[in-house]
Amino acid sequence: MGLQQGPVPEDELVTKIRRGEIDGTNLIWKDGMAEWKPLSQMPELLTLSNPGVPSDNPTQYPGTTGGSIPLTQPPAFQGHYTEPFIPSYFVPTIVSLVLWVIFMAIFCFPVGLPCSIVALVYGTKVDSLRAQRNLVAAQAASRAAKVWMIVSYCLFALPILGVIGVLVFVILQ
């Protein structure tokens, strides 16, 4: 402002500092001082006006307008980051798909074929999501591919067990 104000009671001065009406560049004078000094050179007022400021060196926080305390950054990670392996289950899913195509050609029974296709779709998503650095979604797609692949194999086993049961029944008759 450039204007001399005062005298101002200490509690009112502290309030003005906390509100940001007065910053570290404003000149302050009180009884016993030879000359006016910037607020930033009066650690006792800075500490009173900003209780979060450490009392060992309050002058390193000029302004004391609140929320402007500089924080030191931690050092950068110096280790070697290895991205986790996320399986796509592509090969076992292709095997399941081929088995279902053969089984469907022989017995006209395509129950597990849709499960193999869904597993294949999820498996192909894993690599693209991993390339986009979306590891959470890649892991979810990997789990889904695994589940659908297992369901496909389980459905493949049921008709085979049925065929074996029919053969055993025919042989025993």
N, C-alpha and C. Protein backbone atom coordinates (compact mmCIF):
# COMPACT_ATOMS: atom_id res chain seq x y z
N MET A 1 0.81 -1.19 0.00
CA MET A 1 0.00 0.00 0.00
C MET A 1 0.86 1.25 0.00
N GLY A 2 1.99 1.21 0.65
CA GLY A 2 2.88 2.37 0.70
C GLY A 2 2.50 3.36 1.78
N LEU A 3 1.49 3.07 2.57
CA LEU A 3 1.05 3.98 3.62
C LEU A 3 1.38 3.40 4.99
N GLN A 4 1.75 4.30 5.89
CA GLN A 4 2.03 3.88 7.26
C GLN A 4 0.69 3.72 7.98
N GLN A 5 0.53 2.60 8.67
CA GLN A 5 -0.68 2.35 9.44
C GLN A 5 -0.28 2.00 10.86
N GLY A 6 -1.11 2.31 11.78
CA GLY A 6 -0.82 1.89 13.13
C GLY A 6 -0.91 3.02 14.11
N PRO A 7 -0.65 2.74 15.31
CA PRO A 7 -0.21 1.43 15.81
C PRO A 7 -1.31 0.38 15.69
N VAL A 8 -0.90 -0.88 15.45
CA VAL A 8 -1.82 -2.01 15.29
C VAL A 8 -1.51 -3.00 16.41
N PRO A 9 -2.52 -3.43 17.17
CA PRO A 9 -2.28 -4.43 18.20
C PRO A 9 -1.73 -5.72 17.57
N GLU A 10 -0.92 -6.46 18.33
CA GLU A 10 -0.23 -7.64 17.80
C GLU A 10 -1.22 -8.69 17.30
N ASP A 11 -2.34 -8.91 18.00
CA ASP A 11 -3.30 -9.93 17.54
C ASP A 11 -3.96 -9.53 16.22
N GLU A 12 -4.19 -8.23 16.02
CA GLU A 12 -4.74 -7.76 14.75
C GLU A 12 -3.71 -7.91 13.64
N LEU A 13 -2.45 -7.66 13.95
CA LEU A 13 -1.37 -7.82 12.98
C LEU A 13 -1.26 -9.28 12.54
N VAL A 14 -1.33 -10.17 13.51
CA VAL A 14 -1.26 -11.61 13.21
C VAL A 14 -2.44 -12.01 12.31
N THR A 15 -3.63 -11.49 12.60
CA THR A 15 -4.81 -11.78 11.78
C THR A 15 -4.61 -11.28 10.36
N LYS A 16 -4.05 -10.07 10.19
CA LYS A 16 -3.81 -9.52 8.85
C LYS A 16 -2.78 -10.37 8.09
N ILE A 17 -1.78 -10.88 8.82
CA ILE A 17 -0.78 -11.73 8.17
C ILE A 17 -1.43 -13.03 7.71
N ARG A 18 -2.25 -13.65 8.58
CA ARG A 18 -2.92 -14.91 8.22
C ARG A 18 -3.87 -14.73 7.04
N ARG A 19 -4.54 -13.60 6.94
CA ARG A 19 -5.46 -13.34 5.84
C ARG A 19 -4.73 -13.02 4.54
N GLY A 20 -3.43 -12.72 4.63
CA GLY A 20 -2.68 -12.36 3.44
C GLY A 20 -2.71 -10.88 3.12
N GLU A 21 -3.26 -10.08 4.03
CA GLU A 21 -3.30 -8.63 3.80
C GLU A 21 -1.90 -8.05 3.93
N ILE A 22 -1.06 -8.71 4.71
CA ILE A 22 0.33 -8.29 4.91
C ILE A 22 1.20 -9.49 4.56
N ASP A 23 2.25 -9.28 3.77
CA ASP A 23 3.14 -10.39 3.45
C ASP A 23 4.56 -10.09 3.93
N GLY A 24 5.49 -10.95 3.58
CA GLY A 24 6.86 -10.85 4.08
C GLY A 24 7.61 -9.61 3.63
N THR A 25 7.07 -8.90 2.62
CA THR A 25 7.77 -7.71 2.13
C THR A 25 7.34 -6.43 2.85
N ASN A 26 6.22 -6.46 3.57
CA ASN A 26 5.76 -5.27 4.29
C ASN A 26 6.71 -4.93 5.43
N LEU A 27 6.94 -3.64 5.62
CA LEU A 27 7.84 -3.17 6.69
C LEU A 27 7.06 -3.09 7.99
N ILE A 28 7.70 -3.54 9.06
CA ILE A 28 7.09 -3.58 10.40
C ILE A 28 8.04 -2.86 11.37
N TRP A 29 7.43 -2.17 12.34
CA TRP A 29 8.21 -1.53 13.40
C TRP A 29 7.47 -1.72 14.70
N LYS A 30 8.23 -1.96 15.79
CA LYS A 30 7.63 -2.01 17.13
C LYS A 30 8.61 -1.37 18.11
N ASP A 31 8.11 -1.09 19.31
CA ASP A 31 8.96 -0.46 20.33
C ASP A 31 10.23 -1.27 20.54
N GLY A 32 11.34 -0.54 20.64
CA GLY A 32 12.63 -1.17 20.88
C GLY A 32 13.43 -1.40 19.62
N MET A 33 12.81 -1.23 18.44
CA MET A 33 13.52 -1.43 17.17
C MET A 33 14.11 -0.10 16.72
N ALA A 34 15.32 -0.15 16.15
CA ALA A 34 15.98 1.07 15.67
C ALA A 34 15.37 1.54 14.36
N GLU A 35 14.93 0.59 13.50
CA GLU A 35 14.39 0.97 12.19
C GLU A 35 13.34 -0.04 11.76
N TRP A 36 12.63 0.30 10.69
CA TRP A 36 11.62 -0.58 10.12
C TRP A 36 12.30 -1.78 9.46
N LYS A 37 11.68 -2.96 9.59
CA LYS A 37 12.22 -4.18 8.97
C LYS A 37 11.12 -4.89 8.20
N PRO A 38 11.50 -5.63 7.16
CA PRO A 38 10.50 -6.46 6.47
C PRO A 38 9.98 -7.55 7.41
N LEU A 39 8.72 -7.91 7.26
CA LEU A 39 8.12 -8.94 8.10
C LEU A 39 8.91 -10.24 8.02
N SER A 40 9.48 -10.54 6.86
CA SER A 40 10.23 -11.79 6.71
C SER A 40 11.46 -11.85 7.62
N GLN A 41 11.90 -10.71 8.17
CA GLN A 41 13.04 -10.69 9.08
C GLN A 41 12.62 -10.69 10.54
N MET A 42 11.34 -10.93 10.79
CA MET A 42 10.82 -10.95 12.16
C MET A 42 10.24 -12.33 12.45
N PRO A 43 11.09 -13.29 12.78
CA PRO A 43 10.64 -14.68 12.95
C PRO A 43 9.58 -14.86 14.03
N GLU A 44 9.60 -14.01 15.08
CA GLU A 44 8.61 -14.18 16.15
C GLU A 44 7.19 -13.90 15.65
N LEU A 45 7.03 -12.95 14.73
CA LEU A 45 5.70 -12.68 14.17
C LEU A 45 5.29 -13.73 13.14
N LEU A 46 6.27 -14.20 12.38
CA LEU A 46 5.96 -15.24 11.40
C LEU A 46 5.50 -16.51 12.08
N THR A 47 6.15 -16.88 13.17
CA THR A 47 5.78 -18.08 13.90
C THR A 47 4.40 -17.94 14.52
N LEU A 48 4.09 -16.76 15.05
CA LEU A 48 2.77 -16.53 15.63
C LEU A 48 1.67 -16.56 14.58
N SER A 49 1.97 -16.01 13.40
CA SER A 49 0.94 -15.91 12.38
C SER A 49 0.72 -17.20 11.62
N ASN A 50 1.68 -18.11 11.64
CA ASN A 50 1.55 -19.37 10.91
C ASN A 50 2.05 -20.49 11.79
N PRO A 51 1.18 -21.09 12.59
CA PRO A 51 1.62 -22.12 13.52
C PRO A 51 2.25 -23.33 12.84
N GLY A 52 2.00 -23.53 11.56
CA GLY A 52 2.58 -24.67 10.86
C GLY A 52 4.03 -24.45 10.47
N VAL A 53 4.53 -23.23 10.61
CA VAL A 53 5.90 -22.93 10.22
C VAL A 53 6.82 -23.35 11.35
N PRO A 54 7.85 -24.15 11.06
CA PRO A 54 8.79 -24.53 12.11
C PRO A 54 9.50 -23.30 12.68
N SER A 55 9.69 -23.29 13.97
CA SER A 55 10.28 -22.11 14.61
C SER A 55 11.79 -22.03 14.42
N ASP A 56 12.44 -23.09 13.90
CA ASP A 56 13.90 -23.05 13.74
C ASP A 56 14.32 -22.06 12.67
N ASN A 57 13.54 -21.91 11.58
CA ASN A 57 13.90 -20.97 10.53
C ASN A 57 12.64 -20.48 9.82
N PRO A 58 11.83 -19.66 10.47
CA PRO A 58 10.59 -19.21 9.83
C PRO A 58 10.81 -18.24 8.70
N THR A 59 11.99 -17.65 8.57
CA THR A 59 12.21 -16.67 7.51
C THR A 59 12.32 -17.32 6.15
N GLN A 60 12.46 -18.64 6.06
CA GLN A 60 12.52 -19.27 4.75
C GLN A 60 11.13 -19.41 4.14
N TYR A 61 10.09 -18.98 4.88
CA TYR A 61 8.73 -19.02 4.38
C TYR A 61 8.17 -17.60 4.30
N PRO A 62 8.65 -16.78 3.36
CA PRO A 62 8.17 -15.41 3.28
C PRO A 62 6.72 -15.36 2.83
N GLY A 63 6.05 -14.32 3.25
CA GLY A 63 4.67 -14.14 2.84
C GLY A 63 3.69 -14.69 3.84
N THR A 64 3.88 -15.88 4.29
CA THR A 64 3.01 -16.57 5.25
C THR A 64 1.54 -16.39 4.93
N THR A 65 1.19 -16.50 3.68
CA THR A 65 -0.21 -16.37 3.30
C THR A 65 -0.95 -17.69 3.47
N GLY A 66 -0.29 -18.71 3.92
CA GLY A 66 -0.92 -20.00 4.16
C GLY A 66 -0.95 -20.85 2.90
N GLY A 67 -0.56 -22.09 3.02
CA GLY A 67 -0.60 -23.01 1.90
C GLY A 67 0.53 -22.85 0.92
N SER A 68 1.50 -22.01 1.21
CA SER A 68 2.58 -21.80 0.26
C SER A 68 3.92 -22.28 0.80
N ILE A 69 3.88 -23.21 1.70
CA ILE A 69 5.12 -23.72 2.28
C ILE A 69 5.77 -24.67 1.26
N PRO A 70 6.99 -24.40 0.83
CA PRO A 70 7.63 -25.28 -0.15
C PRO A 70 8.03 -26.60 0.51
N LEU A 71 7.75 -27.69 -0.19
CA LEU A 71 8.10 -29.02 0.31
C LEU A 71 9.19 -29.60 -0.57
N THR A 72 10.13 -30.28 0.04
CA THR A 72 11.17 -30.92 -0.74
C THR A 72 10.62 -32.20 -1.34
N GLN A 73 11.01 -32.50 -2.55
CA GLN A 73 10.56 -33.69 -3.24
C GLN A 73 11.46 -34.87 -2.87
N PRO A 74 10.87 -36.06 -2.72
CA PRO A 74 11.71 -37.23 -2.45
C PRO A 74 12.55 -37.55 -3.68
N PRO A 75 13.67 -38.22 -3.48
CA PRO A 75 14.50 -38.56 -4.63
C PRO A 75 13.76 -39.53 -5.55
N ALA A 76 14.09 -39.47 -6.82
CA ALA A 76 13.46 -40.34 -7.80
C ALA A 76 13.88 -41.79 -7.56
N PHE A 77 13.00 -42.72 -7.91
CA PHE A 77 13.28 -44.15 -7.76
C PHE A 77 14.44 -44.52 -8.67
N GLN A 78 15.47 -45.10 -8.09
CA GLN A 78 16.68 -45.43 -8.85
C GLN A 78 16.77 -46.90 -9.21
N GLY A 79 15.83 -47.70 -8.73
CA GLY A 79 15.88 -49.14 -8.99
C GLY A 79 15.43 -49.48 -10.40
N HIS A 80 15.38 -50.77 -10.68
CA HIS A 80 14.97 -51.25 -11.98
C HIS A 80 13.55 -51.78 -11.88
N TYR A 81 12.64 -51.19 -12.63
CA TYR A 81 11.25 -51.62 -12.61
C TYR A 81 11.03 -52.70 -13.65
N THR A 82 10.47 -53.80 -13.22
CA THR A 82 10.14 -54.88 -14.14
C THR A 82 8.62 -55.00 -14.18
N GLU A 83 8.09 -54.86 -15.36
CA GLU A 83 6.64 -54.96 -15.51
C GLU A 83 6.21 -56.40 -15.25
N PRO A 84 5.10 -56.61 -14.53
CA PRO A 84 4.68 -57.97 -14.23
C PRO A 84 4.25 -58.71 -15.48
N PHE A 85 4.47 -60.02 -15.48
CA PHE A 85 4.05 -60.85 -16.60
C PHE A 85 2.55 -61.11 -16.47
N ILE A 86 1.83 -60.85 -17.53
CA ILE A 86 0.38 -61.08 -17.54
C ILE A 86 0.10 -62.05 -18.69
N PRO A 87 -0.27 -63.29 -18.36
CA PRO A 87 -0.49 -64.27 -19.43
C PRO A 87 -1.76 -63.98 -20.22
N SER A 88 -1.72 -64.28 -21.52
CA SER A 88 -2.90 -64.06 -22.36
C SER A 88 -3.67 -65.36 -22.60
N TYR A 89 -3.07 -66.52 -22.28
CA TYR A 89 -3.69 -67.84 -22.47
C TYR A 89 -4.08 -68.05 -23.93
N PHE A 90 -3.29 -67.48 -24.81
CA PHE A 90 -3.59 -67.53 -26.24
C PHE A 90 -3.43 -68.94 -26.80
N VAL A 91 -2.32 -69.61 -26.51
CA VAL A 91 -2.06 -70.96 -27.07
C VAL A 91 -3.07 -71.98 -26.56
N PRO A 92 -3.30 -72.09 -25.23
CA PRO A 92 -4.29 -73.09 -24.81
C PRO A 92 -5.71 -72.77 -25.32
N THR A 93 -6.01 -71.51 -25.53
CA THR A 93 -7.32 -71.15 -26.07
C THR A 93 -7.43 -71.56 -27.53
N ILE A 94 -6.36 -71.39 -28.31
CA ILE A 94 -6.35 -71.82 -29.72
C ILE A 94 -6.51 -73.34 -29.79
N VAL A 95 -5.82 -74.07 -28.89
CA VAL A 95 -5.95 -75.53 -28.85
C VAL A 95 -7.41 -75.91 -28.56
N SER A 96 -8.02 -75.23 -27.59
CA SER A 96 -9.43 -75.49 -27.26
C SER A 96 -10.33 -75.21 -28.45
N LEU A 97 -10.06 -74.11 -29.15
CA LEU A 97 -10.85 -73.75 -30.32
C LEU A 97 -10.74 -74.81 -31.41
N VAL A 98 -9.52 -75.27 -31.68
CA VAL A 98 -9.30 -76.30 -32.70
C VAL A 98 -10.00 -77.60 -32.30
N LEU A 99 -9.89 -77.98 -31.04
CA LEU A 99 -10.55 -79.20 -30.58
C LEU A 99 -12.07 -79.11 -30.75
N TRP A 100 -12.63 -77.93 -30.44
CA TRP A 100 -14.07 -77.78 -30.59
C TRP A 100 -14.50 -77.80 -32.05
N VAL A 101 -13.68 -77.25 -32.93
CA VAL A 101 -14.01 -77.29 -34.36
C VAL A 101 -13.99 -78.74 -34.85
N ILE A 102 -12.99 -79.50 -34.45
CA ILE A 102 -12.91 -80.93 -34.83
C ILE A 102 -14.09 -81.70 -34.24
N PHE A 103 -14.36 -81.45 -32.95
CA PHE A 103 -15.44 -82.14 -32.28
C PHE A 103 -16.79 -81.81 -32.92
N MET A 104 -16.96 -80.54 -33.31
CA MET A 104 -18.20 -80.12 -33.95
C MET A 104 -18.34 -80.78 -35.32
N ALA A 105 -17.22 -80.93 -36.06
CA ALA A 105 -17.27 -81.56 -37.38
C ALA A 105 -17.65 -83.04 -37.26
N ILE A 106 -17.21 -83.67 -36.17
CA ILE A 106 -17.49 -85.10 -36.01
C ILE A 106 -18.88 -85.33 -35.41
N PHE A 107 -19.19 -84.63 -34.34
CA PHE A 107 -20.40 -84.93 -33.58
C PHE A 107 -21.50 -83.87 -33.71
N CYS A 108 -21.25 -82.77 -34.40
CA CYS A 108 -22.21 -81.67 -34.53
C CYS A 108 -22.69 -81.19 -33.17
N PHE A 109 -21.75 -80.99 -32.28
CA PHE A 109 -22.06 -80.61 -30.89
C PHE A 109 -21.16 -79.44 -30.49
N PRO A 110 -21.53 -78.19 -30.84
CA PRO A 110 -20.62 -77.04 -30.64
C PRO A 110 -20.80 -76.31 -29.31
N VAL A 111 -21.09 -77.00 -28.24
CA VAL A 111 -21.39 -76.33 -26.98
C VAL A 111 -20.24 -75.44 -26.49
N GLY A 112 -19.03 -75.91 -26.52
CA GLY A 112 -17.90 -75.15 -25.97
C GLY A 112 -17.25 -74.18 -26.94
N LEU A 113 -17.66 -74.22 -28.21
CA LEU A 113 -17.05 -73.33 -29.20
C LEU A 113 -17.24 -71.85 -28.85
N PRO A 114 -18.42 -71.41 -28.44
CA PRO A 114 -18.56 -70.00 -28.05
C PRO A 114 -17.65 -69.61 -26.87
N CYS A 115 -17.47 -70.54 -25.93
CA CYS A 115 -16.59 -70.25 -24.79
C CYS A 115 -15.15 -70.06 -25.25
N SER A 116 -14.72 -70.87 -26.20
CA SER A 116 -13.36 -70.72 -26.74
C SER A 116 -13.19 -69.39 -27.46
N ILE A 117 -14.23 -68.98 -28.19
CA ILE A 117 -14.16 -67.70 -28.91
C ILE A 117 -14.09 -66.53 -27.93
N VAL A 118 -14.90 -66.58 -26.87
CA VAL A 118 -14.86 -65.52 -25.86
C VAL A 118 -13.49 -65.48 -25.18
N ALA A 119 -12.93 -66.65 -24.87
CA ALA A 119 -11.59 -66.71 -24.27
C ALA A 119 -10.55 -66.12 -25.21
N LEU A 120 -10.69 -66.39 -26.50
CA LEU A 120 -9.76 -65.85 -27.49
C LEU A 120 -9.85 -64.32 -27.57
N VAL A 121 -11.06 -63.79 -27.51
CA VAL A 121 -11.26 -62.34 -27.56
C VAL A 121 -10.60 -61.68 -26.34
N TYR A 122 -10.84 -62.22 -25.15
CA TYR A 122 -10.20 -61.67 -23.95
C TYR A 122 -8.68 -61.82 -24.01
N GLY A 123 -8.20 -62.94 -24.52
CA GLY A 123 -6.76 -63.15 -24.62
C GLY A 123 -6.07 -62.15 -25.53
N THR A 124 -6.75 -61.77 -26.63
CA THR A 124 -6.15 -60.78 -27.53
C THR A 124 -6.18 -59.38 -26.93
N LYS A 125 -7.10 -59.12 -26.01
CA LYS A 125 -7.14 -57.82 -25.35
C LYS A 125 -5.96 -57.62 -24.40
N VAL A 126 -5.45 -58.70 -23.84
CA VAL A 126 -4.39 -58.60 -22.83
C VAL A 126 -3.17 -57.86 -23.38
N ASP A 127 -2.71 -58.26 -24.55
CA ASP A 127 -1.49 -57.64 -25.11
C ASP A 127 -1.70 -56.17 -25.46
N SER A 128 -2.85 -55.83 -26.01
CA SER A 128 -3.07 -54.42 -26.36
C SER A 128 -3.20 -53.56 -25.11
N LEU A 129 -3.85 -54.07 -24.07
CA LEU A 129 -3.97 -53.30 -22.82
C LEU A 129 -2.62 -53.15 -22.14
N ARG A 130 -1.80 -54.19 -22.19
CA ARG A 130 -0.46 -54.11 -21.61
C ARG A 130 0.39 -53.09 -22.38
N ALA A 131 0.23 -53.03 -23.68
CA ALA A 131 0.97 -52.05 -24.49
C ALA A 131 0.54 -50.62 -24.16
N GLN A 132 -0.72 -50.44 -23.76
CA GLN A 132 -1.23 -49.12 -23.37
C GLN A 132 -0.88 -48.79 -21.92
N ARG A 133 -0.18 -49.67 -21.24
CA ARG A 133 0.21 -49.52 -19.82
C ARG A 133 -1.00 -49.53 -18.88
N ASN A 134 -2.08 -50.15 -19.32
CA ASN A 134 -3.26 -50.31 -18.48
C ASN A 134 -3.19 -51.71 -17.87
N LEU A 135 -2.34 -51.86 -16.86
CA LEU A 135 -2.05 -53.18 -16.31
C LEU A 135 -3.24 -53.76 -15.55
N VAL A 136 -4.04 -52.93 -14.92
CA VAL A 136 -5.20 -53.43 -14.18
C VAL A 136 -6.20 -54.07 -15.14
N ALA A 137 -6.49 -53.38 -16.24
CA ALA A 137 -7.42 -53.93 -17.23
C ALA A 137 -6.82 -55.16 -17.92
N ALA A 138 -5.51 -55.16 -18.14
CA ALA A 138 -4.86 -56.32 -18.75
C ALA A 138 -4.96 -57.54 -17.84
N GLN A 139 -4.79 -57.34 -16.54
CA GLN A 139 -4.92 -58.46 -15.60
C GLN A 139 -6.36 -58.97 -15.56
N ALA A 140 -7.32 -58.06 -15.62
CA ALA A 140 -8.73 -58.47 -15.63
C ALA A 140 -9.06 -59.27 -16.89
N ALA A 141 -8.55 -58.83 -18.04
CA ALA A 141 -8.77 -59.55 -19.29
C ALA A 141 -8.10 -60.91 -19.25
N SER A 142 -6.93 -60.99 -18.63
CA SER A 142 -6.22 -62.26 -18.49
C SER A 142 -7.02 -63.24 -17.64
N ARG A 143 -7.58 -62.75 -16.53
CA ARG A 143 -8.40 -63.62 -15.68
C ARG A 143 -9.64 -64.11 -16.42
N ALA A 144 -10.26 -63.21 -17.19
CA ALA A 144 -11.46 -63.59 -17.94
C ALA A 144 -11.11 -64.64 -19.01
N ALA A 145 -9.99 -64.45 -19.70
CA ALA A 145 -9.56 -65.42 -20.71
C ALA A 145 -9.32 -66.78 -20.07
N LYS A 146 -8.72 -66.79 -18.90
CA LYS A 146 -8.44 -68.05 -18.20
C LYS A 146 -9.74 -68.76 -17.83
N VAL A 147 -10.69 -68.01 -17.29
CA VAL A 147 -11.97 -68.60 -16.87
C VAL A 147 -12.70 -69.20 -18.07
N TRP A 148 -12.81 -68.44 -19.17
CA TRP A 148 -13.53 -68.94 -20.33
C TRP A 148 -12.80 -70.12 -20.98
N MET A 149 -11.47 -70.13 -20.93
CA MET A 149 -10.71 -71.26 -21.47
C MET A 149 -10.99 -72.51 -20.63
N ILE A 150 -11.01 -72.38 -19.32
CA ILE A 150 -11.27 -73.52 -18.44
C ILE A 150 -12.69 -74.04 -18.66
N VAL A 151 -13.66 -73.14 -18.79
CA VAL A 151 -15.04 -73.55 -19.06
C VAL A 151 -15.11 -74.31 -20.38
N SER A 152 -14.39 -73.84 -21.38
CA SER A 152 -14.38 -74.50 -22.69
C SER A 152 -13.83 -75.92 -22.57
N TYR A 153 -12.73 -76.09 -21.85
CA TYR A 153 -12.17 -77.43 -21.68
C TYR A 153 -13.10 -78.33 -20.87
N CYS A 154 -13.74 -77.77 -19.85
CA CYS A 154 -14.68 -78.57 -19.06
C CYS A 154 -15.86 -79.02 -19.92
N LEU A 155 -16.36 -78.14 -20.76
CA LEU A 155 -17.46 -78.51 -21.65
C LEU A 155 -17.01 -79.53 -22.70
N PHE A 156 -15.74 -79.47 -23.06
CA PHE A 156 -15.20 -80.45 -24.01
C PHE A 156 -15.10 -81.82 -23.35
N ALA A 157 -14.81 -81.85 -22.07
CA ALA A 157 -14.66 -83.12 -21.37
C ALA A 157 -16.00 -83.83 -21.18
N LEU A 158 -17.07 -83.08 -21.02
CA LEU A 158 -18.38 -83.70 -20.77
C LEU A 158 -18.84 -84.58 -21.94
N PRO A 159 -18.81 -84.11 -23.18
CA PRO A 159 -19.24 -85.01 -24.28
C PRO A 159 -18.31 -86.21 -24.45
N ILE A 160 -17.01 -85.99 -24.20
CA ILE A 160 -16.08 -87.12 -24.31
C ILE A 160 -16.42 -88.18 -23.28
N LEU A 161 -16.70 -87.73 -22.05
CA LEU A 161 -17.12 -88.69 -21.03
C LEU A 161 -18.44 -89.36 -21.42
N GLY A 162 -19.32 -88.63 -22.05
CA GLY A 162 -20.58 -89.22 -22.53
C GLY A 162 -20.34 -90.27 -23.59
N VAL A 163 -19.43 -89.98 -24.54
CA VAL A 163 -19.10 -90.94 -25.60
C VAL A 163 -18.47 -92.18 -25.00
N ILE A 164 -17.56 -91.98 -24.06
CA ILE A 164 -16.93 -93.13 -23.38
C ILE A 164 -17.99 -93.94 -22.64
N GLY A 165 -18.91 -93.25 -21.99
CA GLY A 165 -19.99 -93.97 -21.29
C GLY A 165 -20.85 -94.78 -22.23
N VAL A 166 -21.18 -94.22 -23.39
CA VAL A 166 -21.97 -94.95 -24.38
C VAL A 166 -21.19 -96.16 -24.88
N LEU A 167 -19.90 -95.99 -25.18
CA LEU A 167 -19.08 -97.12 -25.64
C LEU A 167 -19.01 -98.22 -24.59
N VAL A 168 -18.82 -97.84 -23.35
CA VAL A 168 -18.77 -98.84 -22.26
C VAL A 168 -20.12 -99.57 -22.16
N PHE A 169 -21.21 -98.82 -22.29
CA PHE A 169 -22.55 -99.43 -22.22
C PHE A 169 -22.76 -100.41 -23.36
N VAL A 170 -22.34 -100.03 -24.59
CA VAL A 170 -22.49 -100.90 -25.75
C VAL A 170 -21.65 -102.14 -25.61
N ILE A 171 -20.42 -101.99 -25.14
CA ILE A 171 -19.52 -103.13 -24.98
C ILE A 171 -20.05 -104.09 -23.91
N LEU A 172 -20.56 -103.58 -22.84
CA LEU A 172 -21.06 -104.42 -21.76
C LEU A 172 -22.39 -105.09 -22.10
N GLN A 173 -23.11 -104.66 -23.11
CA GLN A 173 -24.37 -105.28 -23.49
C GLN A 173 -24.13 -106.50 -24.24
